[in-house]
Amino acid sequence: MPGTLRVSLPRFASNLARSSTPKITLYDVGPTHFGEMGMSPFARGIRFALNYKSLPYAIHEVTLPTIEPTAKALGASPTPSFLARNQPRYTVPFIHDPSTGRVLSDSLRIASYLDETYPDRPLIVPPEKETRIGQFCDSVSSITAPLIPIIMPFTISQWMSSEMQKTFPAGAGVCKLTPEEQDEVWESVVAGFRGLMNEYDIKAIGDNQSAPWVMRGRDPSWADMLLTGFFWWIRAVFFDSKGWKEIEQLGGGRVGSIIEDTLEVCGPRLEQ
């Protein structure tokens, strides 16, 4: 069953640094009951990136039916992964940067764009690690995918505003899987993240004091931000579940601390 979120939510949108730089608009699905966090873990990662780079931004919430017309009106491209399968589909996040006039979709492309356009800010997709970061993020998305039929119904029923719930098909807030099937999904997700932790040698923080982040660097990368976007969501909805507690303890407990580490480093800087 879903748990109660027990972390203090940084007030991202209202506490950004004062700057003469025009605000980047980040599009996310909402409103939700996640405080100022929207629905998309990918958009959540971009929020962490913008905070880390101290770039001023504003959030524009869209509902599922308005994602595509909003993206098309801005000139955003369909999400590349769907376009590659010849199934054009628009998803969040996408951004509009008034400083350059650019409109971009796809979280990794947005993260890379922020580095290219604002190279004086901390890099989150270092060129020498771009391929590895992309592979890691693809793995995170693939591992989490089987959990969607479980986490989405709880998210819709417990965390969505009544206005948002109306934009989903009838019954979308009810999990269709049996308890046994849910257990099997959790087992596969835990096993997937265990393998990922081993592949990237993500250990307890004491074993990696000089390079505590996913890519073994001294600074966080897009890999940490996206991973935290997913983990934050899973923990918010399933804080007390056996599955989350198993994930949290992976890597000698390192997985559980990634959220706090990323929030601490990627939180707001100065009041706007």
C-alpha atoms as a PDB file:
ATOM      1  CA  MET A   1       0.000   0.000   0.000  1.00  0.00           C
ATOM      2  CA  PRO A   2       1.192   3.531  -0.578  1.00  0.00           C
ATOM      3  CA  GLY A   3       2.969   5.228   2.265  1.00  0.00           C
ATOM      4  CA  THR A   4       3.148   8.787   3.485  1.00  0.00           C
ATOM      5  CA  LEU A   5       6.001  10.897   2.172  1.00  0.00           C
ATOM      6  CA  ARG A   6       8.278  11.732   5.075  1.00  0.00           C
ATOM      7  CA  VAL A   7      10.811  14.021   3.507  1.00  0.00           C
ATOM      8  CA  SER A   8      10.826  17.779   3.586  1.00  0.00           C
ATOM      9  CA  LEU A   9      10.010  19.094   0.119  1.00  0.00           C
ATOM     10  CA  PRO A  10      12.294  21.918  -1.073  1.00  0.00           C
ATOM     11  CA  ARG A  11      10.203  24.758  -2.477  1.00  0.00           C
ATOM     12  CA  PHE A  12      11.854  24.671  -5.859  1.00  0.00           C
ATOM     13  CA  ALA A  13       9.710  27.017  -7.888  1.00  0.00           C
ATOM     14  CA  SER A  14       9.463  29.735  -5.277  1.00  0.00           C
ATOM     15  CA  ASN A  15      13.047  29.896  -4.027  1.00  0.00           C
ATOM     16  CA  LEU A  16      15.200  30.199  -7.106  1.00  0.00           C
ATOM     17  CA  ALA A  17      18.087  32.594  -7.388  1.00  0.00           C
ATOM     18  CA  ARG A  18      17.358  36.153  -8.436  1.00  0.00           C
ATOM     19  CA  SER A  19      18.794  36.658 -11.868  1.00  0.00           C
ATOM     20  CA  SER A  20      18.553  38.913 -14.875  1.00  0.00           C
ATOM     21  CA  THR A  21      18.450  35.762 -17.012  1.00  0.00           C
ATOM     22  CA  PRO A  22      14.907  35.189 -18.323  1.00  0.00           C
ATOM     23  CA  LYS A  23      13.210  32.217 -16.761  1.00  0.00           C
ATOM     24  CA  ILE A  24      13.243  28.913 -18.566  1.00  0.00           C
ATOM     25  CA  THR A  25       9.764  27.388 -18.691  1.00  0.00           C
ATOM     26  CA  LEU A  26       9.659  23.701 -17.782  1.00  0.00           C
ATOM     27  CA  TYR A  27       6.513  21.787 -18.719  1.00  0.00           C
ATOM     28  CA  ASP A  28       5.356  19.036 -16.370  1.00  0.00           C
ATOM     29  CA  VAL A  29       2.132  17.125 -15.704  1.00  0.00           C
ATOM     30  CA  GLY A  30       0.073  18.493 -12.828  1.00  0.00           C
ATOM     31  CA  PRO A  31      -1.292  19.563 -10.492  1.00  0.00           C
ATOM     32  CA  THR A  32      -0.532  16.798  -8.000  1.00  0.00           C
ATOM     33  CA  HIS A  33      -0.388  16.454  -4.237  1.00  0.00           C
ATOM     34  CA  PHE A  34       3.409  16.052  -4.393  1.00  0.00           C
ATOM     35  CA  GLY A  35       3.872  19.586  -3.061  1.00  0.00           C
ATOM     36  CA  GLU A  36       5.667  21.438  -5.854  1.00  0.00           C
ATOM     37  CA  MET A  37       6.808  18.212  -7.503  1.00  0.00           C
ATOM     38  CA  GLY A  38       4.960  17.270 -10.673  1.00  0.00           C
ATOM     39  CA  MET A  39       4.114  13.813 -11.922  1.00  0.00           C
ATOM     40  CA  SER A  40       6.971  13.064 -14.307  1.00  0.00           C
ATOM     41  CA  PRO A  41      10.222  11.646 -12.850  1.00  0.00           C
ATOM     42  CA  PHE A  42      11.997  12.883 -15.980  1.00  0.00           C
ATOM     43  CA  ALA A  43      10.747  16.445 -15.433  1.00  0.00           C
ATOM     44  CA  ARG A  44      11.682  16.107 -11.771  1.00  0.00           C
ATOM     45  CA  GLY A  45      15.243  15.347 -12.844  1.00  0.00           C
ATOM     46  CA  ILE A  46      15.316  18.491 -14.998  1.00  0.00           C
ATOM     47  CA  ARG A  47      14.167  20.514 -11.993  1.00  0.00           C
ATOM     48  CA  PHE A  48      17.148  19.141 -10.058  1.00  0.00           C
ATOM     49  CA  ALA A  49      19.399  20.090 -12.978  1.00  0.00           C
ATOM     50  CA  LEU A  50      18.067  23.648 -13.137  1.00  0.00           C
ATOM     51  CA  ASN A  51      18.506  24.019  -9.392  1.00  0.00           C
ATOM     52  CA  TYR A  52      22.042  22.660  -9.534  1.00  0.00           C
ATOM     53  CA  LYS A  53      22.928  25.125 -12.263  1.00  0.00           C
ATOM     54  CA  SER A  54      21.128  27.956 -10.414  1.00  0.00           C
ATOM     55  CA  LEU A  55      19.132  28.765 -13.526  1.00  0.00           C
ATOM     56  CA  PRO A  56      15.854  30.632 -12.961  1.00  0.00           C
ATOM     57  CA  TYR A  57      12.796  28.767 -14.175  1.00  0.00           C
ATOM     58  CA  ALA A  58       9.041  28.541 -13.927  1.00  0.00           C
ATOM     59  CA  ILE A  59       6.801  25.492 -14.071  1.00  0.00           C
ATOM     60  CA  HIS A  60       3.920  25.258 -16.511  1.00  0.00           C
ATOM     61  CA  GLU A  61       1.572  22.425 -15.652  1.00  0.00           C
ATOM     62  CA  VAL A  62      -0.205  20.515 -18.393  1.00  0.00           C
ATOM     63  CA  THR A  63      -2.725  17.688 -18.214  1.00  0.00           C
ATOM     64  CA  LEU A  64      -2.432  14.524 -20.275  1.00  0.00           C
ATOM     65  CA  PRO A  65      -4.866  15.738 -22.965  1.00  0.00           C
ATOM     66  CA  THR A  66      -3.033  19.058 -23.318  1.00  0.00           C
ATOM     67  CA  ILE A  67       0.537  17.727 -23.588  1.00  0.00           C
ATOM     68  CA  GLU A  68       0.469  17.220 -27.360  1.00  0.00           C
ATOM     69  CA  PRO A  69      -1.302  20.454 -28.381  1.00  0.00           C
ATOM     70  CA  THR A  70       0.894  22.455 -26.002  1.00  0.00           C
ATOM     71  CA  ALA A  71       4.071  20.859 -27.348  1.00  0.00           C
ATOM     72  CA  LYS A  72       2.998  21.375 -30.960  1.00  0.00           C
ATOM     73  CA  ALA A  73       2.068  25.005 -30.315  1.00  0.00           C
ATOM     74  CA  LEU A  74       5.550  25.623 -28.922  1.00  0.00           C
ATOM     75  CA  GLY A  75       7.267  23.703 -31.698  1.00  0.00           C
ATOM     76  CA  ALA A  76       8.576  20.912 -29.475  1.00  0.00           C
ATOM     77  CA  SER A  77       9.500  17.650 -31.187  1.00  0.00           C
ATOM     78  CA  PRO A  78       7.918  14.289 -30.361  1.00  0.00           C
ATOM     79  CA  THR A  79       9.847  12.250 -27.809  1.00  0.00           C
ATOM     80  CA  PRO A  80      12.801  10.697 -29.720  1.00  0.00           C
ATOM     81  CA  SER A  81      12.336   7.177 -28.337  1.00  0.00           C
ATOM     82  CA  PHE A  82       8.800   7.004 -29.745  1.00  0.00           C
ATOM     83  CA  LEU A  83       9.809   8.745 -32.967  1.00  0.00           C
ATOM     84  CA  ALA A  84      12.500   6.113 -33.515  1.00  0.00           C
ATOM     85  CA  ARG A  85       9.777   3.442 -33.436  1.00  0.00           C
ATOM     86  CA  ASN A  86       7.769   5.444 -35.974  1.00  0.00           C
ATOM     87  CA  GLN A  87       5.156   6.127 -33.276  1.00  0.00           C
ATOM     88  CA  PRO A  88       5.248   9.913 -32.794  1.00  0.00           C
ATOM     89  CA  ARG A  89       4.216  10.771 -29.257  1.00  0.00           C
ATOM     90  CA  TYR A  90       4.658  13.853 -27.133  1.00  0.00           C
ATOM     91  CA  THR A  91       5.669  13.548 -23.484  1.00  0.00           C
ATOM     92  CA  VAL A  92       6.979  15.818 -20.757  1.00  0.00           C
ATOM     93  CA  PRO A  93       9.375  17.300 -20.013  1.00  0.00           C
ATOM     94  CA  PHE A  94       9.898  19.936 -22.640  1.00  0.00           C
ATOM     95  CA  ILE A  95      11.295  23.408 -22.086  1.00  0.00           C
ATOM     96  CA  HIS A  96      11.259  26.851 -23.637  1.00  0.00           C
ATOM     97  CA  ASP A  97      14.347  28.980 -23.072  1.00  0.00           C
ATOM     98  CA  PRO A  98      13.560  32.647 -23.836  1.00  0.00           C
ATOM     99  CA  SER A  99      17.260  33.511 -23.752  1.00  0.00           C
ATOM    100  CA  THR A 100      17.856  31.530 -26.936  1.00  0.00           C
ATOM    101  CA  GLY A 101      14.331  30.966 -28.225  1.00  0.00           C
ATOM    102  CA  ARG A 102      14.952  27.208 -28.167  1.00  0.00           C
ATOM    103  CA  VAL A 103      12.263  24.642 -27.437  1.00  0.00           C
ATOM    104  CA  LEU A 104      13.464  21.159 -26.578  1.00  0.00           C
ATOM    105  CA  SER A 105      11.943  17.834 -25.569  1.00  0.00           C
ATOM    106  CA  ASP A 106      13.535  14.668 -24.129  1.00  0.00           C
ATOM    107  CA  SER A 107      15.191  14.916 -20.731  1.00  0.00           C
ATOM    108  CA  LEU A 108      18.714  13.865 -21.774  1.00  0.00           C
ATOM    109  CA  ARG A 109      18.682  16.308 -24.683  1.00  0.00           C
ATOM    110  CA  ILE A 110      17.500  19.047 -22.332  1.00  0.00           C
ATOM    111  CA  ALA A 111      20.251  18.227 -19.840  1.00  0.00           C
ATOM    112  CA  SER A 112      22.884  18.315 -22.601  1.00  0.00           C
ATOM    113  CA  TYR A 113      21.439  21.586 -23.931  1.00  0.00           C
ATOM    114  CA  LEU A 114      21.747  23.205 -20.494  1.00  0.00           C
ATOM    115  CA  ASP A 115      25.441  22.270 -20.445  1.00  0.00           C
ATOM    116  CA  GLU A 116      26.044  23.567 -23.976  1.00  0.00           C
ATOM    117  CA  THR A 117      24.148  26.817 -23.448  1.00  0.00           C
ATOM    118  CA  TYR A 118      25.330  27.539 -19.915  1.00  0.00           C
ATOM    119  CA  PRO A 119      28.877  26.107 -19.812  1.00  0.00           C
ATOM    120  CA  ASP A 120      29.826  28.468 -16.985  1.00  0.00           C
ATOM    121  CA  ARG A 121      27.493  26.486 -14.710  1.00  0.00           C
ATOM    122  CA  PRO A 122      28.390  23.022 -13.323  1.00  0.00           C
ATOM    123  CA  LEU A 123      28.247  20.386 -16.074  1.00  0.00           C
ATOM    124  CA  ILE A 124      25.800  17.533 -15.586  1.00  0.00           C
ATOM    125  CA  VAL A 125      26.553  15.576 -18.779  1.00  0.00           C
ATOM    126  CA  PRO A 126      30.355  15.694 -19.125  1.00  0.00           C
ATOM    127  CA  PRO A 127      31.263  14.856 -22.748  1.00  0.00           C
ATOM    128  CA  GLU A 128      33.529  11.992 -21.751  1.00  0.00           C
ATOM    129  CA  LYS A 129      30.666  10.369 -19.783  1.00  0.00           C
ATOM    130  CA  GLU A 130      27.712  11.206 -22.037  1.00  0.00           C
ATOM    131  CA  THR A 131      27.351   7.729 -23.549  1.00  0.00           C
ATOM    132  CA  ARG A 132      27.630   5.980 -20.206  1.00  0.00           C
ATOM    133  CA  ILE A 133      25.156   8.384 -18.592  1.00  0.00           C
ATOM    134  CA  GLY A 134      22.695   7.777 -21.438  1.00  0.00           C
ATOM    135  CA  GLN A 135      23.030   4.016 -21.040  1.00  0.00           C
ATOM    136  CA  PHE A 136      22.532   4.256 -17.297  1.00  0.00           C
ATOM    137  CA  CYS A 137      19.397   6.380 -17.671  1.00  0.00           C
ATOM    138  CA  ASP A 138      17.958   3.994 -20.269  1.00  0.00           C
ATOM    139  CA  SER A 139      18.516   1.160 -17.798  1.00  0.00           C
ATOM    140  CA  VAL A 140      16.769   3.046 -14.983  1.00  0.00           C
ATOM    141  CA  SER A 141      13.744   3.640 -17.201  1.00  0.00           C
ATOM    142  CA  SER A 142      13.643   0.011 -18.384  1.00  0.00           C
ATOM    143  CA  ILE A 143      13.990  -1.435 -14.886  1.00  0.00           C
ATOM    144  CA  THR A 144      11.223   0.782 -13.535  1.00  0.00           C
ATOM    145  CA  ALA A 145       8.801   0.179 -16.428  1.00  0.00           C
ATOM    146  CA  PRO A 146       7.230  -3.027 -14.992  1.00  0.00           C
ATOM    147  CA  LEU A 147       6.334  -1.046 -11.855  1.00  0.00           C
ATOM    148  CA  ILE A 148       4.154   1.419 -13.792  1.00  0.00           C
ATOM    149  CA  PRO A 149       0.950  -0.711 -13.638  1.00  0.00           C
ATOM    150  CA  ILE A 150       1.322  -0.671  -9.838  1.00  0.00           C
ATOM    151  CA  ILE A 151       2.623   2.801  -9.087  1.00  0.00           C
ATOM    152  CA  MET A 152       0.442   4.731 -11.539  1.00  0.00           C
ATOM    153  CA  PRO A 153      -2.945   3.671 -10.100  1.00  0.00           C
ATOM    154  CA  PHE A 154      -1.791   4.608  -6.592  1.00  0.00           C
ATOM    155  CA  THR A 155      -0.356   7.866  -7.882  1.00  0.00           C
ATOM    156  CA  ILE A 156      -3.614   8.726  -9.626  1.00  0.00           C
ATOM    157  CA  SER A 157      -5.870   7.820  -6.701  1.00  0.00           C
ATOM    158  CA  GLN A 158      -3.710   9.116  -3.858  1.00  0.00           C
ATOM    159  CA  TRP A 159      -1.583  11.928  -5.265  1.00  0.00           C
ATOM    160  CA  MET A 160      -3.547  13.489  -8.106  1.00  0.00           C
ATOM    161  CA  SER A 161      -5.865  16.435  -7.724  1.00  0.00           C
ATOM    162  CA  SER A 162      -9.520  15.769  -8.552  1.00  0.00           C
ATOM    163  CA  GLU A 163      -9.068  17.816 -11.738  1.00  0.00           C
ATOM    164  CA  MET A 164      -6.154  15.622 -12.811  1.00  0.00           C
ATOM    165  CA  GLN A 165      -7.985  12.391 -12.003  1.00  0.00           C
ATOM    166  CA  LYS A 166     -10.700  13.348 -14.484  1.00  0.00           C
ATOM    167  CA  THR A 167      -8.149  13.386 -17.323  1.00  0.00           C
ATOM    168  CA  PHE A 168      -7.428   9.659 -16.910  1.00  0.00           C
ATOM    169  CA  PRO A 169      -9.622   6.832 -18.226  1.00  0.00           C
ATOM    170  CA  ALA A 170     -12.202   5.408 -15.847  1.00  0.00           C
ATOM    171  CA  GLY A 171     -10.645   2.844 -13.521  1.00  0.00           C
ATOM    172  CA  ALA A 172      -7.107   4.125 -14.039  1.00  0.00           C
ATOM    173  CA  GLY A 173      -6.769   4.601 -10.285  1.00  0.00           C
ATOM    174  CA  VAL A 174      -7.287   0.896  -9.587  1.00  0.00           C
ATOM    175  CA  CYS A 175      -4.428  -1.588  -9.850  1.00  0.00           C
ATOM    176  CA  LYS A 176      -5.392  -4.493 -12.106  1.00  0.00           C
ATOM    177  CA  LEU A 177      -2.634  -6.855 -10.899  1.00  0.00           C
ATOM    178  CA  THR A 178      -3.219  -9.494  -8.244  1.00  0.00           C
ATOM    179  CA  PRO A 179      -1.131  -9.343  -5.038  1.00  0.00           C
ATOM    180  CA  GLU A 180       0.930 -12.267  -6.350  1.00  0.00           C
ATOM    181  CA  GLU A 181       1.570 -10.491  -9.640  1.00  0.00           C
ATOM    182  CA  GLN A 182       2.552  -7.325  -7.771  1.00  0.00           C
ATOM    183  CA  ASP A 183       5.058  -9.320  -5.706  1.00  0.00           C
ATOM    184  CA  GLU A 184       6.584 -10.698  -8.901  1.00  0.00           C
ATOM    185  CA  VAL A 185       6.925  -7.188 -10.327  1.00  0.00           C
ATOM    186  CA  TRP A 186       8.640  -5.918  -7.196  1.00  0.00           C
ATOM    187  CA  GLU A 187      11.035  -8.877  -7.283  1.00  0.00           C
ATOM    188  CA  SER A 188      11.982  -8.081 -10.879  1.00  0.00           C
ATOM    189  CA  VAL A 189      12.454  -4.377 -10.129  1.00  0.00           C
ATOM    190  CA  VAL A 190      14.593  -5.064  -7.054  1.00  0.00           C
ATOM    191  CA  ALA A 191      16.674  -7.570  -9.032  1.00  0.00           C
ATOM    192  CA  GLY A 192      17.054  -5.070 -11.863  1.00  0.00           C
ATOM    193  CA  PHE A 193      18.322  -2.323  -9.584  1.00  0.00           C
ATOM    194  CA  ARG A 194      20.589  -4.771  -7.773  1.00  0.00           C
ATOM    195  CA  GLY A 195      22.184  -5.639 -11.089  1.00  0.00           C
ATOM    196  CA  LEU A 196      22.487  -1.976 -12.021  1.00  0.00           C
ATOM    197  CA  MET A 197      24.159  -1.137  -8.702  1.00  0.00           C
ATOM    198  CA  ASN A 198      26.647  -3.939  -9.257  1.00  0.00           C
ATOM    199  CA  GLU A 199      27.310  -2.958 -12.874  1.00  0.00           C
ATOM    200  CA  TYR A 200      28.117   0.629 -11.916  1.00  0.00           C
ATOM    201  CA  ASP A 201      29.808  -0.372  -8.660  1.00  0.00           C
ATOM    202  CA  ILE A 202      27.524   1.796  -6.531  1.00  0.00           C
ATOM    203  CA  LYS A 203      28.547   0.988  -2.957  1.00  0.00           C
ATOM    204  CA  ALA A 204      27.974   2.328   0.496  1.00  0.00           C
ATOM    205  CA  ILE A 205      29.106   5.929   0.845  1.00  0.00           C
ATOM    206  CA  GLY A 206      31.968   4.882   3.108  1.00  0.00           C
ATOM    207  CA  ASP A 207      33.488   2.901   0.251  1.00  0.00           C
ATOM    208  CA  ASN A 208      33.322   5.861  -2.155  1.00  0.00           C
ATOM    209  CA  GLN A 209      34.098   8.908  -0.049  1.00  0.00           C
ATOM    210  CA  SER A 210      36.151  10.570  -2.792  1.00  0.00           C
ATOM    211  CA  ALA A 211      33.624   9.815  -5.553  1.00  0.00           C
ATOM    212  CA  PRO A 212      30.184   9.192  -4.058  1.00  0.00           C
ATOM    213  CA  TRP A 213      28.068   9.757  -7.169  1.00  0.00           C
ATOM    214  CA  VAL A 214      26.796   7.253  -9.727  1.00  0.00           C
ATOM    215  CA  MET A 215      29.447   8.107 -12.324  1.00  0.00           C
ATOM    216  CA  ARG A 216      32.145   7.961  -9.632  1.00  0.00           C
ATOM    217  CA  GLY A 217      32.870  11.674  -9.849  1.00  0.00           C
ATOM    218  CA  ARG A 218      33.139  14.334  -7.183  1.00  0.00           C
ATOM    219  CA  ASP A 219      30.026  16.091  -8.500  1.00  0.00           C
ATOM    220  CA  PRO A 220      26.533  14.834  -9.370  1.00  0.00           C
ATOM    221  CA  SER A 221      25.615  14.175 -12.972  1.00  0.00           C
ATOM    222  CA  TRP A 222      22.383  13.780 -14.878  1.00  0.00           C
ATOM    223  CA  ALA A 223      22.503  10.097 -13.878  1.00  0.00           C
ATOM    224  CA  ASP A 224      22.063  11.009 -10.205  1.00  0.00           C
ATOM    225  CA  MET A 225      19.325  13.518 -10.972  1.00  0.00           C
ATOM    226  CA  LEU A 226      17.233  11.166 -13.079  1.00  0.00           C
ATOM    227  CA  LEU A 227      17.738   8.254 -10.675  1.00  0.00           C
ATOM    228  CA  THR A 228      16.585  10.476  -7.826  1.00  0.00           C
ATOM    229  CA  GLY A 229      13.581  11.566  -9.882  1.00  0.00           C
ATOM    230  CA  PHE A 230      12.472   7.921 -10.057  1.00  0.00           C
ATOM    231  CA  PHE A 231      13.462   6.952  -6.529  1.00  0.00           C
ATOM    232  CA  TRP A 232      11.727  10.011  -5.070  1.00  0.00           C
ATOM    233  CA  TRP A 233       8.504   8.943  -6.825  1.00  0.00           C
ATOM    234  CA  ILE A 234       8.722   5.306  -5.718  1.00  0.00           C
ATOM    235  CA  ARG A 235       9.506   6.275  -2.139  1.00  0.00           C
ATOM    236  CA  ALA A 236       6.742   8.880  -2.015  1.00  0.00           C
ATOM    237  CA  VAL A 237       4.087   6.370  -3.036  1.00  0.00           C
ATOM    238  CA  PHE A 238       5.475   3.187  -1.461  1.00  0.00           C
ATOM    239  CA  PHE A 239       7.460   4.402   1.517  1.00  0.00           C
ATOM    240  CA  ASP A 240       6.368   1.526   3.779  1.00  0.00           C
ATOM    241  CA  SER A 241       6.399  -1.231   1.185  1.00  0.00           C
ATOM    242  CA  LYS A 242       8.692  -4.236   1.382  1.00  0.00           C
ATOM    243  CA  GLY A 243       9.781  -3.636  -2.218  1.00  0.00           C
ATOM    244  CA  TRP A 244      10.966  -0.079  -1.611  1.00  0.00           C
ATOM    245  CA  LYS A 245      12.749  -1.055   1.605  1.00  0.00           C
ATOM    246  CA  GLU A 246      14.680  -3.698  -0.328  1.00  0.00           C
ATOM    247  CA  ILE A 247      15.617  -1.174  -3.023  1.00  0.00           C
ATOM    248  CA  GLU A 248      16.637   1.358  -0.381  1.00  0.00           C
ATOM    249  CA  GLN A 249      19.154  -1.049   1.120  1.00  0.00           C
ATOM    250  CA  LEU A 250      20.860  -1.919  -2.167  1.00  0.00           C
ATOM    251  CA  GLY A 251      24.486  -0.940  -2.500  1.00  0.00           C
ATOM    252  CA  GLY A 252      25.024  -1.166   1.227  1.00  0.00           C
ATOM    253  CA  GLY A 253      22.280   1.389   1.808  1.00  0.00           C
ATOM    254  CA  ARG A 254      23.708   3.760  -0.800  1.00  0.00           C
ATOM    255  CA  VAL A 255      20.487   3.796  -2.820  1.00  0.00           C
ATOM    256  CA  GLY A 256      18.557   5.158   0.141  1.00  0.00           C
ATOM    257  CA  SER A 257      20.969   8.051   0.590  1.00  0.00           C
ATOM    258  CA  ILE A 258      21.108   9.075  -3.081  1.00  0.00           C
ATOM    259  CA  ILE A 259      17.815  10.948  -2.705  1.00  0.00           C
ATOM    260  CA  GLU A 260      19.007  13.035   0.242  1.00  0.00           C
ATOM    261  CA  ASP A 261      22.418  13.654  -1.322  1.00  0.00           C
ATOM    262  CA  THR A 262      20.901  14.875  -4.577  1.00  0.00           C
ATOM    263  CA  LEU A 263      18.266  17.020  -2.876  1.00  0.00           C
ATOM    264  CA  GLU A 264      20.925  18.596  -0.702  1.00  0.00           C
ATOM    265  CA  VAL A 265      23.197  19.484  -3.615  1.00  0.00           C
ATOM    266  CA  CYS A 266      20.492  20.232  -6.175  1.00  0.00           C
ATOM    267  CA  GLY A 267      18.128  22.189  -3.958  1.00  0.00           C
ATOM    268  CA  PRO A 268      17.329  25.920  -4.287  1.00  0.00           C
ATOM    269  CA  ARG A 269      20.070  28.482  -3.784  1.00  0.00           C
ATOM    270  CA  LEU A 270      18.660  31.941  -3.028  1.00  0.00           C
ATOM    271  CA  GLU A 271      15.200  33.380  -2.631  1.00  0.00           C
ATOM    272  CA  GLN A 272      13.852  34.826  -5.847  1.00  0.00           C
END
